[in-house]
Amino acid sequence: MVDAMNTFLNDINGVISVVGFTSMFIGFVYIGRKLQILDELRETVEVIKHNLKVVTDFLIKKFPDFNHEDLRNYSPVQLSEHGKGFIRSIGFDTIFMQNKKDFFGVIEDDLPKMKYDVQTSAIKSIYALSDKSYMDRVKTYLYDHPDRKMDRVAATLGIYVRDAYLAEHPEIN
């Protein structure tokens, strides 16, 4: 009886070992496949990042007015940390807050229907208001820094104006 019980327990132990080993083997194969997929995904993302860099470098060379230091070329164009610092350094954030009505007036005169219209009008507002005395600080900066051109600075400042306008007009899509 004891021998029969030991044989039975050994058989159950053997079955459990086989099932356990098989389950572990299947589990390892499953995890391995998932890790392989992650490795392939990582490689694919690296290729995409490289190709995106090639495309953005081409666009920056093709369109030299795009200021890659102040603006990030994503959709939509956004201010980079460098661009935000630039706006603060020349005091445009203060100029804008004190004269927001003028900047918004230029945008509203164009009757924008879409965010793109707001962006175009916001950049235009920098040019349209450049003769105002409150813009003298910007013009002084441009004079003192001949490497910075008005078209590049206007795009950076215009994106700042665009963001402020859209924040107050969520109905524009």
N, C-alpha and C. Protein backbone atom coordinates (compact mmCIF):
# COMPACT_ATOMS: atom_id res chain seq x y z
N MET A 1 0.82 -1.18 0.00
CA MET A 1 0.00 0.00 0.00
C MET A 1 0.87 1.26 0.00
N VAL A 2 1.90 1.23 0.84
CA VAL A 2 2.81 2.37 0.90
C VAL A 2 3.55 2.51 -0.42
N ASP A 3 3.95 1.36 -1.00
CA ASP A 3 4.64 1.41 -2.29
C ASP A 3 3.72 1.95 -3.38
N ALA A 4 2.47 1.58 -3.35
CA ALA A 4 1.50 2.07 -4.33
C ALA A 4 1.31 3.58 -4.17
N MET A 5 1.25 4.03 -2.91
CA MET A 5 1.08 5.45 -2.63
C MET A 5 2.31 6.23 -3.10
N ASN A 6 3.50 5.70 -2.84
CA ASN A 6 4.74 6.37 -3.29
C ASN A 6 4.81 6.41 -4.80
N THR A 7 4.41 5.34 -5.46
CA THR A 7 4.40 5.31 -6.92
C THR A 7 3.42 6.34 -7.46
N PHE A 8 2.24 6.41 -6.84
CA PHE A 8 1.22 7.39 -7.25
C PHE A 8 1.75 8.82 -7.08
N LEU A 9 2.36 9.08 -5.93
CA LEU A 9 2.90 10.43 -5.67
C LEU A 9 4.04 10.75 -6.64
N ASN A 10 4.86 9.77 -6.95
CA ASN A 10 5.94 9.98 -7.92
C ASN A 10 5.38 10.27 -9.31
N ASP A 11 4.29 9.56 -9.68
CA ASP A 11 3.65 9.81 -10.97
C ASP A 11 3.07 11.23 -11.03
N ILE A 12 2.39 11.64 -9.94
CA ILE A 12 1.82 13.01 -9.87
C ILE A 12 2.95 14.04 -9.91
N ASN A 13 4.00 13.77 -9.17
CA ASN A 13 5.16 14.66 -9.16
C ASN A 13 5.75 14.78 -10.57
N GLY A 14 5.82 13.68 -11.27
CA GLY A 14 6.34 13.67 -12.64
C GLY A 14 5.44 14.48 -13.57
N VAL A 15 4.12 14.29 -13.41
CA VAL A 15 3.17 15.05 -14.24
C VAL A 15 3.31 16.54 -13.95
N ILE A 16 3.37 16.89 -12.68
CA ILE A 16 3.50 18.30 -12.29
C ILE A 16 4.80 18.87 -12.83
N SER A 17 5.87 18.10 -12.75
CA SER A 17 7.16 18.56 -13.28
C SER A 17 7.08 18.79 -14.79
N VAL A 18 6.48 17.84 -15.51
CA VAL A 18 6.35 17.99 -16.96
C VAL A 18 5.47 19.19 -17.30
N VAL A 19 4.32 19.30 -16.63
CA VAL A 19 3.40 20.43 -16.89
C VAL A 19 4.08 21.73 -16.49
N GLY A 20 4.73 21.73 -15.34
CA GLY A 20 5.42 22.95 -14.89
C GLY A 20 6.52 23.35 -15.84
N PHE A 21 7.35 22.38 -16.26
CA PHE A 21 8.43 22.66 -17.18
C PHE A 21 7.87 23.16 -18.51
N THR A 22 6.82 22.51 -19.00
CA THR A 22 6.19 22.91 -20.26
C THR A 22 5.62 24.32 -20.15
N SER A 23 4.96 24.61 -19.04
CA SER A 23 4.39 25.95 -18.84
C SER A 23 5.49 27.00 -18.78
N MET A 24 6.55 26.69 -18.05
CA MET A 24 7.66 27.63 -17.98
C MET A 24 8.28 27.83 -19.36
N PHE A 25 8.46 26.76 -20.11
CA PHE A 25 9.03 26.85 -21.45
C PHE A 25 8.16 27.73 -22.35
N ILE A 26 6.87 27.48 -22.32
CA ILE A 26 5.93 28.28 -23.13
C ILE A 26 5.97 29.74 -22.68
N GLY A 27 6.02 29.94 -21.38
CA GLY A 27 6.09 31.31 -20.85
C GLY A 27 7.35 32.03 -21.32
N PHE A 28 8.50 31.34 -21.28
CA PHE A 28 9.75 31.95 -21.73
C PHE A 28 9.72 32.25 -23.22
N VAL A 29 9.13 31.34 -24.00
CA VAL A 29 9.01 31.58 -25.45
C VAL A 29 8.13 32.80 -25.69
N TYR A 30 7.03 32.89 -24.97
CA TYR A 30 6.10 34.03 -25.12
C TYR A 30 6.81 35.34 -24.76
N ILE A 31 7.49 35.36 -23.64
CA ILE A 31 8.21 36.58 -23.21
C ILE A 31 9.30 36.92 -24.22
N GLY A 32 10.00 35.91 -24.70
CA GLY A 32 11.04 36.13 -25.71
C GLY A 32 10.50 36.76 -26.98
N ARG A 33 9.35 36.30 -27.40
CA ARG A 33 8.73 36.88 -28.61
C ARG A 33 8.36 38.33 -28.37
N LYS A 34 7.84 38.63 -27.19
CA LYS A 34 7.46 40.01 -26.86
C LYS A 34 8.70 40.90 -26.82
N LEU A 35 9.79 40.40 -26.25
CA LEU A 35 11.03 41.17 -26.22
C LEU A 35 11.58 41.38 -27.63
N GLN A 36 11.43 40.37 -28.50
CA GLN A 36 11.87 40.51 -29.87
C GLN A 36 11.06 41.59 -30.57
N ILE A 37 9.76 41.62 -30.33
CA ILE A 37 8.89 42.65 -30.92
C ILE A 37 9.33 44.02 -30.42
N LEU A 38 9.64 44.14 -29.13
CA LEU A 38 10.09 45.42 -28.59
C LEU A 38 11.41 45.86 -29.22
N ASP A 39 12.33 44.91 -29.42
CA ASP A 39 13.60 45.23 -30.08
C ASP A 39 13.36 45.72 -31.50
N GLU A 40 12.47 45.04 -32.23
CA GLU A 40 12.16 45.45 -33.60
C GLU A 40 11.50 46.82 -33.61
N LEU A 41 10.64 47.07 -32.64
CA LEU A 41 9.97 48.37 -32.53
C LEU A 41 10.99 49.47 -32.24
N ARG A 42 11.91 49.18 -31.35
CA ARG A 42 12.96 50.16 -31.02
C ARG A 42 13.79 50.48 -32.26
N GLU A 43 14.15 49.46 -33.04
CA GLU A 43 14.92 49.69 -34.27
C GLU A 43 14.12 50.52 -35.26
N THR A 44 12.84 50.24 -35.39
CA THR A 44 11.97 50.98 -36.31
C THR A 44 11.87 52.45 -35.89
N VAL A 45 11.72 52.70 -34.60
CA VAL A 45 11.62 54.07 -34.09
C VAL A 45 12.93 54.82 -34.37
N GLU A 46 14.06 54.16 -34.21
CA GLU A 46 15.34 54.80 -34.50
C GLU A 46 15.44 55.19 -35.98
N VAL A 47 14.96 54.32 -36.87
CA VAL A 47 14.96 54.63 -38.30
C VAL A 47 14.05 55.82 -38.57
N ILE A 48 12.88 55.84 -37.95
CA ILE A 48 11.94 56.95 -38.14
C ILE A 48 12.56 58.25 -37.62
N LYS A 49 13.19 58.20 -36.45
CA LYS A 49 13.82 59.41 -35.90
C LYS A 49 14.90 59.93 -36.84
N HIS A 50 15.70 59.03 -37.38
CA HIS A 50 16.76 59.43 -38.32
C HIS A 50 16.14 60.08 -39.56
N ASN A 51 15.12 59.43 -40.13
CA ASN A 51 14.49 59.98 -41.33
C ASN A 51 13.84 61.33 -41.06
N LEU A 52 13.23 61.49 -39.90
CA LEU A 52 12.62 62.76 -39.52
C LEU A 52 13.68 63.85 -39.40
N LYS A 53 14.81 63.51 -38.86
CA LYS A 53 15.92 64.46 -38.73
C LYS A 53 16.39 64.89 -40.11
N VAL A 54 16.50 63.94 -41.04
CA VAL A 54 16.91 64.25 -42.41
C VAL A 54 15.91 65.21 -43.05
N VAL A 55 14.63 64.93 -42.89
CA VAL A 55 13.58 65.78 -43.48
C VAL A 55 13.61 67.18 -42.86
N THR A 56 13.69 67.27 -41.53
CA THR A 56 13.71 68.60 -40.90
C THR A 56 14.97 69.37 -41.27
N ASP A 57 16.11 68.70 -41.35
CA ASP A 57 17.33 69.39 -41.78
C ASP A 57 17.17 69.94 -43.19
N PHE A 58 16.56 69.14 -44.06
CA PHE A 58 16.32 69.60 -45.43
C PHE A 58 15.41 70.83 -45.43
N LEU A 59 14.33 70.77 -44.66
CA LEU A 59 13.39 71.89 -44.63
C LEU A 59 14.06 73.15 -44.08
N ILE A 60 14.88 72.98 -43.08
CA ILE A 60 15.56 74.15 -42.51
C ILE A 60 16.50 74.76 -43.54
N LYS A 61 17.19 73.93 -44.31
CA LYS A 61 18.07 74.45 -45.35
C LYS A 61 17.28 75.05 -46.50
N LYS A 62 16.18 74.40 -46.85
CA LYS A 62 15.35 74.86 -47.96
C LYS A 62 14.62 76.15 -47.62
N PHE A 63 14.21 76.27 -46.36
CA PHE A 63 13.48 77.45 -45.90
C PHE A 63 14.27 78.09 -44.76
N PRO A 64 15.29 78.87 -45.09
CA PRO A 64 16.17 79.41 -44.06
C PRO A 64 15.47 80.38 -43.10
N ASP A 65 14.27 80.83 -43.45
CA ASP A 65 13.55 81.74 -42.55
C ASP A 65 13.03 81.02 -41.32
N PHE A 66 13.00 79.70 -41.37
CA PHE A 66 12.53 78.94 -40.22
C PHE A 66 13.62 78.95 -39.16
N ASN A 67 13.31 79.49 -38.01
CA ASN A 67 14.29 79.61 -36.94
C ASN A 67 14.19 78.39 -36.04
N HIS A 68 15.06 77.44 -36.25
CA HIS A 68 14.99 76.18 -35.52
C HIS A 68 15.41 76.31 -34.07
N GLU A 69 16.03 77.42 -33.69
CA GLU A 69 16.39 77.60 -32.27
C GLU A 69 15.19 78.09 -31.47
N ASP A 70 14.41 79.00 -32.04
CA ASP A 70 13.28 79.59 -31.32
C ASP A 70 12.00 78.80 -31.50
N LEU A 71 11.90 78.10 -32.62
CA LEU A 71 10.66 77.39 -32.94
C LEU A 71 10.93 75.91 -33.13
N ARG A 72 9.96 75.11 -32.71
CA ARG A 72 10.03 73.67 -32.95
C ARG A 72 9.11 73.37 -34.11
N ASN A 73 9.63 72.69 -35.11
CA ASN A 73 8.89 72.42 -36.34
C ASN A 73 8.02 71.18 -36.18
N TYR A 74 7.05 71.28 -35.31
CA TYR A 74 6.06 70.23 -35.16
C TYR A 74 4.75 70.82 -35.62
N SER A 75 3.75 70.04 -35.67
CA SER A 75 2.45 70.56 -36.07
C SER A 75 1.58 70.70 -34.84
N PRO A 76 1.20 71.91 -34.53
CA PRO A 76 1.61 73.18 -35.14
C PRO A 76 3.00 73.61 -34.66
N VAL A 77 3.55 74.60 -35.35
CA VAL A 77 4.83 75.17 -34.94
C VAL A 77 4.67 75.68 -33.51
N GLN A 78 5.66 75.40 -32.68
CA GLN A 78 5.59 75.80 -31.27
C GLN A 78 6.87 76.51 -30.88
N LEU A 79 6.77 77.34 -29.85
CA LEU A 79 7.96 77.98 -29.31
C LEU A 79 8.79 76.95 -28.56
N SER A 80 10.09 76.99 -28.78
CA SER A 80 10.99 76.15 -27.99
C SER A 80 11.30 76.90 -26.69
N GLU A 81 12.00 76.25 -25.79
CA GLU A 81 12.41 76.93 -24.56
C GLU A 81 13.32 78.10 -24.90
N HIS A 82 14.17 77.92 -25.92
CA HIS A 82 15.05 79.01 -26.37
C HIS A 82 14.21 80.19 -26.86
N GLY A 83 13.16 79.88 -27.62
CA GLY A 83 12.27 80.94 -28.13
C GLY A 83 11.56 81.68 -27.02
N LYS A 84 11.09 80.95 -26.01
CA LYS A 84 10.43 81.60 -24.87
C LYS A 84 11.41 82.49 -24.12
N GLY A 85 12.64 82.01 -23.97
CA GLY A 85 13.68 82.81 -23.31
C GLY A 85 14.01 84.05 -24.13
N PHE A 86 14.05 83.91 -25.45
CA PHE A 86 14.31 85.05 -26.33
C PHE A 86 13.23 86.11 -26.15
N ILE A 87 11.98 85.69 -26.13
CA ILE A 87 10.87 86.64 -25.97
C ILE A 87 10.99 87.39 -24.66
N ARG A 88 11.33 86.66 -23.60
CA ARG A 88 11.52 87.33 -22.30
C ARG A 88 12.73 88.26 -22.33
N SER A 89 13.81 87.83 -22.97
CA SER A 89 15.05 88.62 -22.96
C SER A 89 14.90 89.96 -23.67
N ILE A 90 14.08 90.02 -24.70
CA ILE A 90 13.89 91.31 -25.38
C ILE A 90 12.67 92.06 -24.83
N GLY A 91 11.99 91.45 -23.88
CA GLY A 91 10.86 92.12 -23.23
C GLY A 91 9.58 92.10 -24.04
N PHE A 92 9.51 91.24 -25.05
CA PHE A 92 8.29 91.22 -25.87
C PHE A 92 7.09 90.73 -25.08
N ASP A 93 7.29 89.89 -24.09
CA ASP A 93 6.15 89.44 -23.29
C ASP A 93 5.47 90.62 -22.61
N THR A 94 6.27 91.57 -22.13
CA THR A 94 5.72 92.78 -21.49
C THR A 94 5.09 93.69 -22.54
N ILE A 95 5.79 93.88 -23.66
CA ILE A 95 5.25 94.70 -24.76
C ILE A 95 3.88 94.17 -25.17
N PHE A 96 3.80 92.87 -25.35
CA PHE A 96 2.57 92.25 -25.79
C PHE A 96 1.45 92.45 -24.77
N MET A 97 1.73 92.18 -23.51
CA MET A 97 0.69 92.30 -22.48
C MET A 97 0.17 93.73 -22.38
N GLN A 98 1.04 94.69 -22.55
CA GLN A 98 0.62 96.10 -22.46
C GLN A 98 -0.11 96.57 -23.72
N ASN A 99 0.04 95.85 -24.82
CA ASN A 99 -0.54 96.27 -26.10
C ASN A 99 -1.29 95.14 -26.80
N LYS A 100 -1.78 94.21 -26.01
CA LYS A 100 -2.46 93.03 -26.55
C LYS A 100 -3.63 93.42 -27.47
N LYS A 101 -4.32 94.45 -27.11
CA LYS A 101 -5.47 94.90 -27.90
C LYS A 101 -5.07 95.23 -29.35
N ASP A 102 -3.90 95.86 -29.50
CA ASP A 102 -3.43 96.20 -30.85
C ASP A 102 -3.12 94.94 -31.66
N PHE A 103 -2.41 94.01 -31.04
CA PHE A 103 -2.04 92.78 -31.75
C PHE A 103 -3.29 91.98 -32.12
N PHE A 104 -4.20 91.86 -31.17
CA PHE A 104 -5.44 91.12 -31.43
C PHE A 104 -6.29 91.85 -32.47
N GLY A 105 -6.22 93.17 -32.50
CA GLY A 105 -6.97 93.95 -33.48
C GLY A 105 -6.55 93.62 -34.90
N VAL A 106 -5.25 93.48 -35.12
CA VAL A 106 -4.76 93.12 -36.45
C VAL A 106 -5.30 91.74 -36.84
N ILE A 107 -5.29 90.82 -35.90
CA ILE A 107 -5.80 89.47 -36.19
C ILE A 107 -7.28 89.53 -36.50
N GLU A 108 -8.04 90.24 -35.68
CA GLU A 108 -9.49 90.31 -35.86
C GLU A 108 -9.89 91.02 -37.14
N ASP A 109 -9.07 91.98 -37.59
CA ASP A 109 -9.36 92.65 -38.86
C ASP A 109 -9.33 91.68 -40.03
N ASP A 110 -8.56 90.61 -39.89
CA ASP A 110 -8.47 89.61 -40.96
C ASP A 110 -9.59 88.58 -40.90
N LEU A 111 -10.46 88.66 -39.90
CA LEU A 111 -11.57 87.74 -39.72
C LEU A 111 -11.13 86.27 -39.83
N PRO A 112 -10.26 85.83 -38.94
CA PRO A 112 -9.75 84.46 -39.05
C PRO A 112 -10.84 83.43 -38.79
N LYS A 113 -10.81 82.37 -39.59
CA LYS A 113 -11.77 81.29 -39.42
C LYS A 113 -11.11 80.03 -38.87
N MET A 114 -9.80 79.92 -39.10
CA MET A 114 -9.07 78.72 -38.69
C MET A 114 -7.80 79.12 -37.95
N LYS A 115 -7.21 78.16 -37.26
CA LYS A 115 -5.98 78.42 -36.52
C LYS A 115 -4.86 78.90 -37.44
N TYR A 116 -4.83 78.37 -38.65
CA TYR A 116 -3.81 78.81 -39.61
C TYR A 116 -3.98 80.29 -39.93
N ASP A 117 -5.22 80.73 -40.08
CA ASP A 117 -5.49 82.15 -40.34
C ASP A 117 -4.97 83.00 -39.19
N VAL A 118 -5.20 82.53 -37.96
CA VAL A 118 -4.73 83.26 -36.78
C VAL A 118 -3.21 83.34 -36.81
N GLN A 119 -2.56 82.24 -37.13
CA GLN A 119 -1.09 82.22 -37.16
C GLN A 119 -0.56 83.23 -38.18
N THR A 120 -1.12 83.22 -39.38
CA THR A 120 -0.69 84.14 -40.43
C THR A 120 -0.91 85.59 -40.00
N SER A 121 -2.07 85.87 -39.43
CA SER A 121 -2.38 87.23 -38.99
C SER A 121 -1.53 87.66 -37.81
N ALA A 122 -1.20 86.72 -36.93
CA ALA A 122 -0.38 87.05 -35.77
C ALA A 122 1.02 87.45 -36.21
N ILE A 123 1.58 86.73 -37.18
CA ILE A 123 2.90 87.10 -37.71
C ILE A 123 2.81 88.44 -38.42
N LYS A 124 1.74 88.62 -39.16
CA LYS A 124 1.51 89.89 -39.86
C LYS A 124 1.42 91.05 -38.86
N SER A 125 0.85 90.80 -37.68
CA SER A 125 0.70 91.86 -36.68
C SER A 125 2.05 92.42 -36.23
N ILE A 126 3.08 91.59 -36.23
CA ILE A 126 4.42 92.05 -35.84
C ILE A 126 4.91 93.08 -36.84
N TYR A 127 4.72 92.79 -38.13
CA TYR A 127 5.12 93.75 -39.16
C TYR A 127 4.24 94.99 -39.12
N ALA A 128 2.94 94.79 -38.99
CA ALA A 128 1.99 95.91 -39.03
C ALA A 128 2.21 96.90 -37.88
N LEU A 129 2.66 96.39 -36.75
CA LEU A 129 2.83 97.25 -35.58
C LEU A 129 4.29 97.63 -35.33
N SER A 130 5.18 97.28 -36.25
CA SER A 130 6.60 97.52 -36.02
C SER A 130 6.97 99.00 -35.93
N ASP A 131 6.12 99.89 -36.46
CA ASP A 131 6.41 101.32 -36.38
C ASP A 131 5.88 101.97 -35.10
N LYS A 132 5.19 101.20 -34.28
CA LYS A 132 4.70 101.73 -33.00
C LYS A 132 5.89 101.92 -32.06
N SER A 133 5.82 102.93 -31.22
CA SER A 133 6.94 103.23 -30.32
C SER A 133 7.21 102.08 -29.35
N TYR A 134 6.18 101.32 -28.99
CA TYR A 134 6.42 100.21 -28.06
C TYR A 134 7.22 99.07 -28.70
N MET A 135 7.37 99.09 -30.02
CA MET A 135 8.17 98.07 -30.69
C MET A 135 9.63 98.52 -30.88
N ASP A 136 9.98 99.70 -30.36
CA ASP A 136 11.35 100.19 -30.49
C ASP A 136 12.36 99.23 -29.88
N ARG A 137 11.99 98.60 -28.80
CA ARG A 137 12.91 97.66 -28.15
C ARG A 137 13.26 96.50 -29.09
N VAL A 138 12.27 96.04 -29.82
CA VAL A 138 12.50 94.94 -30.78
C VAL A 138 13.41 95.43 -31.89
N LYS A 139 13.15 96.62 -32.42
CA LYS A 139 13.98 97.16 -33.50
C LYS A 139 15.40 97.44 -33.02
N THR A 140 15.55 97.89 -31.79
CA THR A 140 16.89 98.09 -31.24
C THR A 140 17.62 96.77 -31.15
N TYR A 141 16.93 95.73 -30.72
CA TYR A 141 17.54 94.41 -30.66
C TYR A 141 18.00 93.98 -32.05
N LEU A 142 17.17 94.16 -33.06
CA LEU A 142 17.52 93.76 -34.43
C LEU A 142 18.73 94.55 -34.93
N TYR A 143 18.80 95.82 -34.58
CA TYR A 143 19.94 96.64 -34.99
C TYR A 143 21.23 96.17 -34.32
N ASP A 144 21.13 95.84 -33.04
CA ASP A 144 22.29 95.40 -32.27
C ASP A 144 22.71 93.97 -32.60
N HIS A 145 21.83 93.20 -33.21
CA HIS A 145 22.10 91.80 -33.56
C HIS A 145 21.81 91.59 -35.05
N PRO A 146 22.71 92.02 -35.92
CA PRO A 146 22.44 91.92 -37.36
C PRO A 146 22.29 90.49 -37.87
N ASP A 147 22.71 89.52 -37.06
CA ASP A 147 22.53 88.13 -37.47
C ASP A 147 21.08 87.69 -37.35
N ARG A 148 20.29 88.41 -36.59
CA ARG A 148 18.85 88.12 -36.45
C ARG A 148 18.09 89.03 -37.43
N LYS A 149 17.29 88.44 -38.25
CA LYS A 149 16.52 89.19 -39.25
C LYS A 149 15.07 89.32 -38.81
N MET A 150 14.43 90.38 -39.28
CA MET A 150 13.05 90.67 -38.88
C MET A 150 12.11 89.52 -39.22
N ASP A 151 12.30 88.89 -40.38
CA ASP A 151 11.36 87.83 -40.76
C ASP A 151 11.44 86.65 -39.79
N ARG A 152 12.61 86.33 -39.30
CA ARG A 152 12.75 85.23 -38.34
C ARG A 152 12.20 85.63 -36.98
N VAL A 153 12.50 86.86 -36.58
CA VAL A 153 12.01 87.34 -35.28
C VAL A 153 10.49 87.50 -35.33
N ALA A 154 9.96 87.98 -36.45
CA ALA A 154 8.51 88.16 -36.57
C ALA A 154 7.80 86.82 -36.46
N ALA A 155 8.37 85.77 -37.03
CA ALA A 155 7.75 84.45 -36.92
C ALA A 155 7.72 83.99 -35.47
N THR A 156 8.81 84.18 -34.76
CA THR A 156 8.87 83.78 -33.35
C THR A 156 7.87 84.57 -32.52
N LEU A 157 7.88 85.88 -32.67
CA LEU A 157 6.96 86.73 -31.89
C LEU A 157 5.51 86.46 -32.31
N GLY A 158 5.30 86.21 -33.59
CA GLY A 158 3.95 85.92 -34.08
C GLY A 158 3.38 84.65 -33.49
N ILE A 159 4.21 83.63 -33.32
CA ILE A 159 3.74 82.38 -32.70
C ILE A 159 3.33 82.65 -31.25
N TYR A 160 4.06 83.52 -30.58
CA TYR A 160 3.70 83.91 -29.20
C TYR A 160 2.32 84.59 -29.20
N VAL A 161 2.11 85.51 -30.13
CA VAL A 161 0.82 86.21 -30.24
C VAL A 161 -0.28 85.22 -30.60
N ARG A 162 0.01 84.33 -31.55
CA ARG A 162 -0.97 83.31 -31.95
C ARG A 162 -1.44 82.48 -30.77
N ASP A 163 -0.49 82.01 -29.97
CA ASP A 163 -0.84 81.17 -28.83
C ASP A 163 -1.73 81.92 -27.84
N ALA A 164 -1.41 83.20 -27.61
CA ALA A 164 -2.21 84.00 -26.68
C ALA A 164 -3.62 84.21 -27.24
N TYR A 165 -3.71 84.47 -28.54
CA TYR A 165 -5.02 84.70 -29.16
C TYR A 165 -5.87 83.42 -29.12
N LEU A 166 -5.28 82.30 -29.48
CA LEU A 166 -6.02 81.05 -29.48
C LEU A 166 -6.44 80.64 -28.08
N ALA A 167 -5.64 80.98 -27.08
CA ALA A 167 -6.00 80.68 -25.69
C ALA A 167 -7.28 81.40 -25.29
N GLU A 168 -7.48 82.58 -25.86
CA GLU A 168 -8.69 83.36 -25.54
C GLU A 168 -9.83 83.09 -26.53
N HIS A 169 -9.57 82.35 -27.56
CA HIS A 169 -10.59 82.05 -28.58
C HIS A 169 -10.62 80.56 -28.90
N PRO A 170 -11.07 79.75 -27.95
CA PRO A 170 -11.09 78.30 -28.18
C PRO A 170 -12.08 77.87 -29.25
N GLU A 171 -12.95 78.75 -29.66
CA GLU A 171 -13.95 78.39 -30.68
C GLU A 171 -13.32 78.25 -32.07
N ILE A 172 -12.12 78.81 -32.25
CA ILE A 172 -11.45 78.70 -33.56
C ILE A 172 -10.78 77.33 -33.61
N ASN A 173 -11.07 76.60 -34.68
CA ASN A 173 -10.47 75.26 -34.81
C ASN A 173 -9.66 75.11 -36.04
